[in-house]
C-alpha atoms as a PDB file:
ATOM      1  CA  MET A   1      38.088  -6.108 -41.551  1.00  0.00           C
ATOM      2  CA  ALA A   2      38.513  -7.212 -37.918  1.00  0.00           C
ATOM      3  CA  GLU A   3      39.423  -3.646 -36.913  1.00  0.00           C
ATOM      4  CA  LYS A   4      36.360  -2.286 -38.722  1.00  0.00           C
ATOM      5  CA  GLN A   5      34.108  -4.867 -37.037  1.00  0.00           C
ATOM      6  CA  LYS A   6      35.585  -4.003 -33.656  1.00  0.00           C
ATOM      7  CA  SER A   7      34.957  -0.329 -34.297  1.00  0.00           C
ATOM      8  CA  ALA A   8      31.329  -0.994 -35.271  1.00  0.00           C
ATOM      9  CA  THR A   9      30.782  -3.116 -32.153  1.00  0.00           C
ATOM     10  CA  THR A  10      32.307  -0.445 -29.904  1.00  0.00           C
ATOM     11  CA  LEU A  11      30.107   2.202 -31.531  1.00  0.00           C
ATOM     12  CA  ALA A  12      26.997   0.091 -30.931  1.00  0.00           C
ATOM     13  CA  LEU A  13      27.931  -0.419 -27.267  1.00  0.00           C
ATOM     14  CA  MET A  14      28.445   3.329 -26.828  1.00  0.00           C
ATOM     15  CA  GLN A  15      25.016   4.004 -28.370  1.00  0.00           C
ATOM     16  CA  PHE A  16      23.461   1.456 -26.008  1.00  0.00           C
ATOM     17  CA  ALA A  17      25.206   2.937 -22.958  1.00  0.00           C
ATOM     18  CA  SER A  18      24.335   6.520 -23.955  1.00  0.00           C
ATOM     19  CA  GLY A  19      20.662   5.571 -24.286  1.00  0.00           C
ATOM     20  CA  GLY A  20      20.737   3.995 -20.834  1.00  0.00           C
ATOM     21  CA  CYS A  21      22.222   7.171 -19.319  1.00  0.00           C
ATOM     22  CA  ALA A  22      19.519   9.246 -21.002  1.00  0.00           C
ATOM     23  CA  GLY A  23      16.727   7.118 -19.546  1.00  0.00           C
ATOM     24  CA  PHE A  24      18.119   7.055 -16.006  1.00  0.00           C
ATOM     25  CA  VAL A  25      18.521  10.834 -15.852  1.00  0.00           C
ATOM     26  CA  GLU A  26      15.085  11.548 -17.339  1.00  0.00           C
ATOM     27  CA  VAL A  27      13.191   9.217 -14.956  1.00  0.00           C
ATOM     28  CA  SER A  28      15.041  10.447 -11.877  1.00  0.00           C
ATOM     29  CA  ILE A  29      13.962  14.021 -12.632  1.00  0.00           C
ATOM     30  CA  MET A  30      10.482  13.601 -14.109  1.00  0.00           C
ATOM     31  CA  HIS A  31       8.849  10.588 -12.342  1.00  0.00           C
ATOM     32  CA  PRO A  32       6.376  12.548 -10.117  1.00  0.00           C
ATOM     33  CA  LEU A  33       4.693  13.951 -13.232  1.00  0.00           C
ATOM     34  CA  ASP A  34       4.376  10.457 -14.706  1.00  0.00           C
ATOM     35  CA  LEU A  35       2.634   9.302 -11.517  1.00  0.00           C
ATOM     36  CA  ILE A  36       0.185  12.219 -11.605  1.00  0.00           C
ATOM     37  CA  LYS A  37      -0.519  11.537 -15.288  1.00  0.00           C
ATOM     38  CA  THR A  38      -1.423   7.929 -14.424  1.00  0.00           C
ATOM     39  CA  ARG A  39      -3.727   9.049 -11.579  1.00  0.00           C
ATOM     40  CA  PHE A  40      -5.658  11.323 -13.972  1.00  0.00           C
ATOM     41  CA  GLN A  41      -5.903   8.597 -16.612  1.00  0.00           C
ATOM     42  CA  ILE A  42      -7.332   5.912 -14.328  1.00  0.00           C
ATOM     43  CA  GLN A  43      -9.983   8.162 -12.760  1.00  0.00           C
ATOM     44  CA  ARG A  44     -13.388   8.085 -14.375  1.00  0.00           C
ATOM     45  CA  GLY A  45     -16.322  10.503 -14.412  1.00  0.00           C
ATOM     46  CA  PRO A  46     -17.681  12.839 -11.708  1.00  0.00           C
ATOM     47  CA  GLU A  47     -18.970   9.822  -9.764  1.00  0.00           C
ATOM     48  CA  ASP A  48     -15.378   8.740  -9.006  1.00  0.00           C
ATOM     49  CA  PRO A  49     -14.900   9.416  -5.246  1.00  0.00           C
ATOM     50  CA  ASN A  50     -11.154   9.811  -5.690  1.00  0.00           C
ATOM     51  CA  ARG A  51     -11.445  12.320  -8.529  1.00  0.00           C
ATOM     52  CA  TYR A  52      -8.882  15.109  -8.864  1.00  0.00           C
ATOM     53  CA  THR A  53     -10.148  18.400 -10.227  1.00  0.00           C
ATOM     54  CA  SER A  54      -6.816  19.873 -11.308  1.00  0.00           C
ATOM     55  CA  LEU A  55      -3.066  19.336 -11.297  1.00  0.00           C
ATOM     56  CA  ALA A  56      -2.749  21.430  -8.120  1.00  0.00           C
ATOM     57  CA  ASP A  57      -5.620  19.501  -6.482  1.00  0.00           C
ATOM     58  CA  CYS A  58      -3.842  16.213  -7.224  1.00  0.00           C
ATOM     59  CA  PHE A  59      -0.587  17.491  -5.724  1.00  0.00           C
ATOM     60  CA  LYS A  60      -2.345  18.741  -2.570  1.00  0.00           C
ATOM     61  CA  LYS A  61      -4.460  15.615  -2.003  1.00  0.00           C
ATOM     62  CA  MET A  62      -1.568  13.228  -2.562  1.00  0.00           C
ATOM     63  CA  TYR A  63       0.691  15.202  -0.239  1.00  0.00           C
ATOM     64  CA  ARG A  64      -1.923  15.413   2.544  1.00  0.00           C
ATOM     65  CA  GLN A  65      -3.329  11.894   2.269  1.00  0.00           C
ATOM     66  CA  GLU A  66      -0.316   9.845   1.176  1.00  0.00           C
ATOM     67  CA  GLY A  67       2.758  11.862   2.145  1.00  0.00           C
ATOM     68  CA  ALA A  68       5.591  13.549   0.262  1.00  0.00           C
ATOM     69  CA  MET A  69       7.235  10.269  -0.753  1.00  0.00           C
ATOM     70  CA  SER A  70       4.033   9.209  -2.533  1.00  0.00           C
ATOM     71  CA  PHE A  71       5.213  11.181  -5.570  1.00  0.00           C
ATOM     72  CA  TYR A  72       7.851   8.500  -6.075  1.00  0.00           C
ATOM     73  CA  LYS A  73       5.490   5.526  -5.908  1.00  0.00           C
ATOM     74  CA  GLY A  74       6.345   3.024  -8.578  1.00  0.00           C
ATOM     75  CA  ILE A  75       9.729   4.600  -9.377  1.00  0.00           C
ATOM     76  CA  LEU A  76      11.724   1.374  -8.969  1.00  0.00           C
ATOM     77  CA  PRO A  77      10.195  -0.406 -11.994  1.00  0.00           C
ATOM     78  CA  PRO A  78      10.950   2.491 -14.384  1.00  0.00           C
ATOM     79  CA  LEU A  79      14.424   2.976 -12.873  1.00  0.00           C
ATOM     80  CA  LEU A  80      15.129  -0.726 -13.377  1.00  0.00           C
ATOM     81  CA  ALA A  81      13.573  -0.582 -16.820  1.00  0.00           C
ATOM     82  CA  GLU A  82      14.642   2.822 -18.121  1.00  0.00           C
ATOM     83  CA  THR A  83      18.314   2.009 -18.532  1.00  0.00           C
ATOM     84  CA  PRO A  84      17.648  -0.998 -20.808  1.00  0.00           C
ATOM     85  CA  LYS A  85      14.489   0.601 -22.233  1.00  0.00           C
ATOM     86  CA  ARG A  86      16.078   3.846 -23.399  1.00  0.00           C
ATOM     87  CA  ALA A  87      19.180   1.925 -24.397  1.00  0.00           C
ATOM     88  CA  VAL A  88      16.957  -0.221 -26.620  1.00  0.00           C
ATOM     89  CA  LYS A  89      15.114   2.899 -27.839  1.00  0.00           C
ATOM     90  CA  PHE A  90      18.188   4.723 -29.113  1.00  0.00           C
ATOM     91  CA  PHE A  91      20.188   1.626 -30.074  1.00  0.00           C
ATOM     92  CA  THR A  92      17.413   0.089 -32.177  1.00  0.00           C
ATOM     93  CA  PHE A  93      16.603   3.481 -33.737  1.00  0.00           C
ATOM     94  CA  GLU A  94      20.163   3.620 -35.087  1.00  0.00           C
ATOM     95  CA  ARG A  95      19.940   0.027 -36.325  1.00  0.00           C
ATOM     96  CA  TYR A  96      16.551   0.515 -38.009  1.00  0.00           C
ATOM     97  CA  LYS A  97      17.779   3.807 -39.494  1.00  0.00           C
ATOM     98  CA  ASN A  98      20.699   2.011 -41.141  1.00  0.00           C
ATOM     99  CA  MET A  99      18.401  -0.774 -42.319  1.00  0.00           C
ATOM    100  CA  PHE A 100      15.874   1.558 -43.969  1.00  0.00           C
ATOM    101  CA  ALA A 101      18.686   3.635 -45.492  1.00  0.00           C
ATOM    102  CA  TYR A 102      20.146   0.578 -47.220  1.00  0.00           C
ATOM    103  CA  GLY A 103      19.949   0.876 -50.973  1.00  0.00           C
ATOM    104  CA  GLY A 104      19.059   4.569 -50.906  1.00  0.00           C
ATOM    105  CA  TYR A 105      15.413   3.987 -51.900  1.00  0.00           C
ATOM    106  CA  LEU A 106      13.844   6.040 -49.107  1.00  0.00           C
ATOM    107  CA  GLY A 107      14.278   9.719 -48.300  1.00  0.00           C
ATOM    108  CA  GLN A 108      15.593  10.891 -44.919  1.00  0.00           C
ATOM    109  CA  PRO A 109      12.175  11.996 -43.535  1.00  0.00           C
ATOM    110  CA  VAL A 110      10.692   8.549 -44.238  1.00  0.00           C
ATOM    111  CA  ILE A 111      13.758   6.756 -42.843  1.00  0.00           C
ATOM    112  CA  PHE A 112      13.634   8.665 -39.544  1.00  0.00           C
ATOM    113  CA  THR A 113       9.872   8.134 -39.224  1.00  0.00           C
ATOM    114  CA  LEU A 114       9.943   4.388 -39.939  1.00  0.00           C
ATOM    115  CA  ALA A 115      13.003   3.847 -37.744  1.00  0.00           C
ATOM    116  CA  GLY A 116      11.221   5.682 -34.907  1.00  0.00           C
ATOM    117  CA  LEU A 117       8.063   3.580 -35.301  1.00  0.00           C
ATOM    118  CA  CYS A 118       9.977   0.289 -35.270  1.00  0.00           C
ATOM    119  CA  SER A 119      12.212   1.314 -32.360  1.00  0.00           C
ATOM    120  CA  GLY A 120       9.117   2.281 -30.346  1.00  0.00           C
ATOM    121  CA  MET A 121       7.433  -1.044 -30.936  1.00  0.00           C
ATOM    122  CA  THR A 122      10.632  -2.899 -30.010  1.00  0.00           C
ATOM    123  CA  GLU A 123      10.900  -0.777 -26.862  1.00  0.00           C
ATOM    124  CA  ALA A 124       7.287  -1.637 -25.948  1.00  0.00           C
ATOM    125  CA  PHE A 125       8.059  -5.362 -25.717  1.00  0.00           C
ATOM    126  CA  VAL A 126      10.893  -4.627 -23.280  1.00  0.00           C
ATOM    127  CA  ILE A 127       9.018  -2.168 -21.068  1.00  0.00           C
ATOM    128  CA  ASN A 128       5.480  -3.582 -20.819  1.00  0.00           C
ATOM    129  CA  PRO A 129       5.977  -5.926 -17.801  1.00  0.00           C
ATOM    130  CA  PHE A 130       7.564  -3.045 -15.870  1.00  0.00           C
ATOM    131  CA  GLU A 131       4.637  -0.803 -16.834  1.00  0.00           C
ATOM    132  CA  VAL A 132       2.129  -3.326 -15.452  1.00  0.00           C
ATOM    133  CA  VAL A 133       3.861  -3.284 -12.055  1.00  0.00           C
ATOM    134  CA  LYS A 134       4.390   0.500 -12.116  1.00  0.00           C
ATOM    135  CA  VAL A 135       0.733   1.313 -12.856  1.00  0.00           C
ATOM    136  CA  LYS A 136      -0.466  -1.054 -10.135  1.00  0.00           C
ATOM    137  CA  LEU A 137       1.821   0.655  -7.617  1.00  0.00           C
ATOM    138  CA  GLN A 138       0.888   4.150  -8.808  1.00  0.00           C
ATOM    139  CA  ALA A 139      -2.826   3.381  -8.495  1.00  0.00           C
ATOM    140  CA  GLU A 140      -2.435   2.566  -4.754  1.00  0.00           C
ATOM    141  CA  ARG A 141      -3.797   5.396  -2.578  1.00  0.00           C
ATOM    142  CA  ARG A 142      -2.307   4.301   0.721  1.00  0.00           C
ATOM    143  CA  LYS A 143       0.819   5.851   2.212  1.00  0.00           C
ATOM    144  CA  LEU A 144       4.018   4.568   0.635  1.00  0.00           C
ATOM    145  CA  ALA A 145       5.130   2.778   3.812  1.00  0.00           C
ATOM    146  CA  GLN A 146       1.819   0.883   3.973  1.00  0.00           C
ATOM    147  CA  GLN A 147       1.733  -0.525   0.459  1.00  0.00           C
ATOM    148  CA  LYS A 148       3.435  -3.576  -0.997  1.00  0.00           C
ATOM    149  CA  GLY A 149       6.884  -3.361  -2.540  1.00  0.00           C
ATOM    150  CA  THR A 150       7.804  -3.625  -6.209  1.00  0.00           C
ATOM    151  CA  PHE A 151       9.067  -7.200  -6.158  1.00  0.00           C
ATOM    152  CA  GLN A 152       6.207  -8.467  -3.978  1.00  0.00           C
ATOM    153  CA  THR A 153       3.700  -6.861  -6.367  1.00  0.00           C
ATOM    154  CA  ALA A 154       5.428  -8.438  -9.365  1.00  0.00           C
ATOM    155  CA  ARG A 155       5.445 -11.873  -7.713  1.00  0.00           C
ATOM    156  CA  GLU A 156       1.732 -11.611  -6.928  1.00  0.00           C
ATOM    157  CA  ILE A 157       0.881 -10.683 -10.538  1.00  0.00           C
ATOM    158  CA  ILE A 158       2.948 -13.593 -11.863  1.00  0.00           C
ATOM    159  CA  ALA A 159       1.477 -16.052  -9.326  1.00  0.00           C
ATOM    160  CA  LYS A 160      -2.083 -15.026 -10.168  1.00  0.00           C
ATOM    161  CA  ASP A 161      -1.976 -14.404 -13.944  1.00  0.00           C
ATOM    162  CA  GLY A 162       1.474 -15.402 -15.199  1.00  0.00           C
ATOM    163  CA  PHE A 163       3.405 -13.632 -17.954  1.00  0.00           C
ATOM    164  CA  GLY A 164       0.634 -13.594 -20.570  1.00  0.00           C
ATOM    165  CA  LEU A 165      -1.797 -10.911 -21.696  1.00  0.00           C
ATOM    166  CA  LYS A 166      -3.719 -11.184 -18.418  1.00  0.00           C
ATOM    167  CA  GLY A 167      -0.583 -10.872 -16.291  1.00  0.00           C
ATOM    168  CA  MET A 168       2.792  -9.218 -16.859  1.00  0.00           C
ATOM    169  CA  ASN A 169       1.995  -8.451 -20.489  1.00  0.00           C
ATOM    170  CA  LYS A 170      -1.450  -6.989 -19.888  1.00  0.00           C
ATOM    171  CA  GLY A 171      -2.080  -4.006 -22.164  1.00  0.00           C
ATOM    172  CA  LEU A 172       0.691  -4.934 -24.604  1.00  0.00           C
ATOM    173  CA  THR A 173      -1.210  -3.721 -27.686  1.00  0.00           C
ATOM    174  CA  ALA A 174      -1.795  -0.319 -26.065  1.00  0.00           C
ATOM    175  CA  THR A 175       1.883  -0.111 -25.091  1.00  0.00           C
ATOM    176  CA  LEU A 176       2.860  -0.952 -28.676  1.00  0.00           C
ATOM    177  CA  GLY A 177       0.620   1.858 -29.917  1.00  0.00           C
ATOM    178  CA  ARG A 178       1.864   4.312 -27.284  1.00  0.00           C
ATOM    179  CA  HIS A 179       5.563   3.768 -27.903  1.00  0.00           C
ATOM    180  CA  GLY A 180       5.322   3.194 -31.650  1.00  0.00           C
ATOM    181  CA  VAL A 181       3.454   6.443 -32.279  1.00  0.00           C
ATOM    182  CA  PHE A 182       5.543   8.417 -29.777  1.00  0.00           C
ATOM    183  CA  ASN A 183       8.904   7.381 -31.226  1.00  0.00           C
ATOM    184  CA  MET A 184       7.682   7.791 -34.789  1.00  0.00           C
ATOM    185  CA  VAL A 185       6.852  11.464 -34.162  1.00  0.00           C
ATOM    186  CA  TYR A 186       9.660  12.037 -31.646  1.00  0.00           C
ATOM    187  CA  PHE A 187      12.581  10.871 -33.758  1.00  0.00           C
ATOM    188  CA  GLY A 188      11.017  11.888 -37.067  1.00  0.00           C
ATOM    189  CA  PHE A 189      10.405  15.468 -35.973  1.00  0.00           C
ATOM    190  CA  TYR A 190      13.665  15.920 -34.061  1.00  0.00           C
ATOM    191  CA  HIS A 191      16.062  14.675 -36.719  1.00  0.00           C
ATOM    192  CA  ASN A 192      14.259  16.229 -39.661  1.00  0.00           C
ATOM    193  CA  VAL A 193      13.877  19.663 -38.029  1.00  0.00           C
ATOM    194  CA  LYS A 194      17.405  19.575 -36.595  1.00  0.00           C
ATOM    195  CA  GLY A 195      18.715  19.076 -40.119  1.00  0.00           C
ATOM    196  CA  LEU A 196      16.760  22.101 -41.385  1.00  0.00           C
ATOM    197  CA  ILE A 197      17.969  24.553 -38.724  1.00  0.00           C
ATOM    198  CA  PRO A 198      21.691  25.399 -39.092  1.00  0.00           C
ATOM    199  CA  GLU A 199      24.037  24.522 -36.235  1.00  0.00           C
ATOM    200  CA  LEU A 200      25.225  27.404 -34.061  1.00  0.00           C
ATOM    201  CA  LYS A 201      28.906  28.005 -33.301  1.00  0.00           C
ATOM    202  CA  ASP A 202      28.362  29.113 -29.713  1.00  0.00           C
ATOM    203  CA  PRO A 203      28.089  25.947 -27.508  1.00  0.00           C
ATOM    204  CA  LYS A 204      25.390  27.448 -25.261  1.00  0.00           C
ATOM    205  CA  GLN A 205      23.301  28.578 -28.244  1.00  0.00           C
ATOM    206  CA  GLU A 206      23.747  25.169 -29.882  1.00  0.00           C
ATOM    207  CA  PHE A 207      22.623  23.494 -26.647  1.00  0.00           C
ATOM    208  CA  GLY A 208      19.569  25.779 -26.618  1.00  0.00           C
ATOM    209  CA  ARG A 209      18.799  24.964 -30.272  1.00  0.00           C
ATOM    210  CA  LYS A 210      18.842  21.217 -29.600  1.00  0.00           C
ATOM    211  CA  PHE A 211      16.897  21.576 -26.339  1.00  0.00           C
ATOM    212  CA  LEU A 212      14.145  23.610 -28.043  1.00  0.00           C
ATOM    213  CA  ILE A 213      13.784  21.108 -30.895  1.00  0.00           C
ATOM    214  CA  GLY A 214      13.751  18.235 -28.384  1.00  0.00           C
ATOM    215  CA  LEU A 215      11.153  20.059 -26.271  1.00  0.00           C
ATOM    216  CA  VAL A 216       8.822  20.478 -29.259  1.00  0.00           C
ATOM    217  CA  SER A 217       9.451  16.845 -30.289  1.00  0.00           C
ATOM    218  CA  GLY A 218       8.486  15.517 -26.864  1.00  0.00           C
ATOM    219  CA  THR A 219       5.447  17.796 -26.601  1.00  0.00           C
ATOM    220  CA  LEU A 220       4.114  16.973 -30.065  1.00  0.00           C
ATOM    221  CA  SER A 221       4.639  13.235 -29.571  1.00  0.00           C
ATOM    222  CA  SER A 222       2.816  13.366 -26.221  1.00  0.00           C
ATOM    223  CA  CYS A 223      -0.205  15.121 -27.744  1.00  0.00           C
ATOM    224  CA  ILE A 224      -0.506  12.606 -30.574  1.00  0.00           C
ATOM    225  CA  ASN A 225      -0.031   9.352 -28.673  1.00  0.00           C
ATOM    226  CA  ILE A 226      -1.981  10.058 -25.469  1.00  0.00           C
ATOM    227  CA  PRO A 227      -5.175   8.127 -26.403  1.00  0.00           C
ATOM    228  CA  PHE A 228      -3.026   4.966 -26.460  1.00  0.00           C
ATOM    229  CA  ASP A 229      -1.551   6.002 -23.100  1.00  0.00           C
ATOM    230  CA  VAL A 230      -5.022   6.435 -21.571  1.00  0.00           C
ATOM    231  CA  ALA A 231      -6.038   3.015 -22.901  1.00  0.00           C
ATOM    232  CA  LYS A 232      -2.886   1.453 -21.436  1.00  0.00           C
ATOM    233  CA  SER A 233      -3.545   2.962 -17.997  1.00  0.00           C
ATOM    234  CA  ARG A 234      -7.185   1.801 -18.039  1.00  0.00           C
ATOM    235  CA  ILE A 235      -6.246  -1.759 -19.045  1.00  0.00           C
ATOM    236  CA  GLN A 236      -3.361  -2.069 -16.586  1.00  0.00           C
ATOM    237  CA  GLY A 237      -4.988  -0.091 -13.765  1.00  0.00           C
ATOM    238  CA  PRO A 238      -7.840  -1.094 -11.431  1.00  0.00           C
ATOM    239  CA  GLN A 239     -11.110  -1.997 -13.151  1.00  0.00           C
ATOM    240  CA  PRO A 240     -14.305  -0.023 -12.258  1.00  0.00           C
ATOM    241  CA  VAL A 241     -15.995  -3.089 -10.766  1.00  0.00           C
ATOM    242  CA  PRO A 242     -13.740  -5.516  -8.824  1.00  0.00           C
ATOM    243  CA  GLY A 243     -13.765  -8.955 -10.434  1.00  0.00           C
ATOM    244  CA  GLU A 244     -15.100  -7.690 -13.780  1.00  0.00           C
ATOM    245  CA  ILE A 245     -12.801  -6.882 -16.709  1.00  0.00           C
ATOM    246  CA  LYS A 246     -14.176  -3.851 -18.518  1.00  0.00           C
ATOM    247  CA  TYR A 247     -11.052  -2.678 -20.347  1.00  0.00           C
ATOM    248  CA  ARG A 248      -9.455  -5.495 -22.356  1.00  0.00           C
ATOM    249  CA  THR A 249      -7.943  -4.401 -25.680  1.00  0.00           C
ATOM    250  CA  CYS A 250      -6.488  -1.142 -26.912  1.00  0.00           C
ATOM    251  CA  MET A 251      -8.977   0.010 -29.567  1.00  0.00           C
ATOM    252  CA  ALA A 252     -12.000  -1.328 -27.672  1.00  0.00           C
ATOM    253  CA  THR A 253     -10.901   0.635 -24.594  1.00  0.00           C
ATOM    254  CA  ILE A 254     -10.432   3.828 -26.622  1.00  0.00           C
ATOM    255  CA  LEU A 255     -13.943   3.429 -28.050  1.00  0.00           C
ATOM    256  CA  THR A 256     -15.437   2.702 -24.614  1.00  0.00           C
ATOM    257  CA  VAL A 257     -13.814   5.785 -23.061  1.00  0.00           C
ATOM    258  CA  TYR A 258     -14.954   7.923 -26.005  1.00  0.00           C
ATOM    259  CA  ARG A 259     -18.570   6.691 -25.850  1.00  0.00           C
ATOM    260  CA  GLU A 260     -18.966   6.870 -22.067  1.00  0.00           C
ATOM    261  CA  GLU A 261     -16.843   9.906 -21.162  1.00  0.00           C
ATOM    262  CA  GLY A 262     -16.441  11.911 -24.363  1.00  0.00           C
ATOM    263  CA  PHE A 263     -13.574  12.838 -26.687  1.00  0.00           C
ATOM    264  CA  LEU A 264     -11.655  14.884 -24.105  1.00  0.00           C
ATOM    265  CA  ALA A 265     -11.431  11.865 -21.800  1.00  0.00           C
ATOM    266  CA  LEU A 266      -8.920  10.410 -24.278  1.00  0.00           C
ATOM    267  CA  TYR A 267      -6.627  13.292 -23.345  1.00  0.00           C
ATOM    268  CA  LYS A 268      -6.753  12.853 -19.578  1.00  0.00           C
ATOM    269  CA  GLY A 269      -3.366  13.450 -18.010  1.00  0.00           C
ATOM    270  CA  LEU A 270      -2.165  15.474 -21.012  1.00  0.00           C
ATOM    271  CA  LEU A 271      -0.817  18.379 -18.955  1.00  0.00           C
ATOM    272  CA  PRO A 272       1.415  16.335 -16.617  1.00  0.00           C
ATOM    273  CA  LYS A 273       2.420  14.190 -19.604  1.00  0.00           C
ATOM    274  CA  ILE A 274       3.533  17.283 -21.557  1.00  0.00           C
ATOM    275  CA  LEU A 275       5.222  18.740 -18.479  1.00  0.00           C
ATOM    276  CA  ARG A 276       7.133  15.489 -18.161  1.00  0.00           C
ATOM    277  CA  LEU A 277       7.861  14.433 -21.739  1.00  0.00           C
ATOM    278  CA  GLY A 278       8.275  17.906 -23.234  1.00  0.00           C
ATOM    279  CA  PRO A 279      11.389  18.785 -21.220  1.00  0.00           C
ATOM    280  CA  GLY A 280      11.973  15.085 -20.512  1.00  0.00           C
ATOM    281  CA  GLY A 281      12.137  14.334 -24.224  1.00  0.00           C
ATOM    282  CA  ALA A 282      14.662  17.134 -24.684  1.00  0.00           C
ATOM    283  CA  ILE A 283      16.701  15.878 -21.706  1.00  0.00           C
ATOM    284  CA  MET A 284      16.834  12.354 -23.161  1.00  0.00           C
ATOM    285  CA  LEU A 285      18.014  13.472 -26.589  1.00  0.00           C
ATOM    286  CA  LEU A 286      20.629  15.828 -25.182  1.00  0.00           C
ATOM    287  CA  VAL A 287      21.972  13.366 -22.596  1.00  0.00           C
ATOM    288  CA  TYR A 288      22.161  10.710 -25.324  1.00  0.00           C
ATOM    289  CA  GLU A 289      23.971  12.938 -27.827  1.00  0.00           C
ATOM    290  CA  TYR A 290      26.404  14.493 -25.353  1.00  0.00           C
ATOM    291  CA  ALA A 291      27.112  11.169 -23.604  1.00  0.00           C
ATOM    292  CA  PHE A 292      27.738   9.518 -26.974  1.00  0.00           C
ATOM    293  CA  GLU A 293      30.101  12.310 -28.058  1.00  0.00           C
ATOM    294  CA  TRP A 294      31.919  12.089 -24.719  1.00  0.00           C
ATOM    295  CA  MET A 295      32.351   8.324 -25.031  1.00  0.00           C
ATOM    296  CA  LYS A 296      33.724   8.645 -28.549  1.00  0.00           C
ATOM    297  CA  LYS A 297      36.497  10.883 -27.213  1.00  0.00           C
ATOM    298  CA  LEU A 298      37.616   8.393 -24.572  1.00  0.00           C
END
């Protein structure tokens, strides 16, 4: 019994560590696209003086006005957060999967979907304070060397508004929606489709099979959850009028954006989001699976 318990504990630690590796690698590669996505989401209508007209326009303006290093603004919070965040993501998915499978009452598609939803909502509680700091840093339009650092920004938020829903947990409901919906589709699609397509004997072809399924999983999840992402960026980002809080809660923000800017405004930043989380989603799943398999062989 003790040996079995030890084995289960070791397995859980390997799942946690593999998830952390997956998050670190994905953020290190894909962060500039996350920053550009946030810039598109916080800009408003044609009257916005800082409006970007296209992905290329955003790249050019940021490079000219803020410098090459501006593409890595706000990277420290996600780097600090991604290891525990992705570790929580994959670790809790496995735990919830086992929980929903208990008793054999639910089919595999439902188990994967529910486990993904619950893991996403758990992940949201871990990541939200880091997201508040990250969005504030990403919204700054000064050169990187001129703006405040990560820890100074975090201290100022805490000193002014504390850890509540006006401070470090601002936009929590939108983050819950963003991560819950994303993981529900992400894990549900990946594991169900992977089980339908036979494994390939050639290692390179098998890698390609998993990468393609992961790519579609990340892309589909990004398309479905982006209204929650837009709401999160609006709530956590700078308000239109300084001193006035226009964007407060998730659903109210979605409705406000829809009424004032139209349906397509809820999909602002979709292209950089897909460019990041399509391949990024595949990278995470593959790093997790291959890291976990490697650890099991040690």
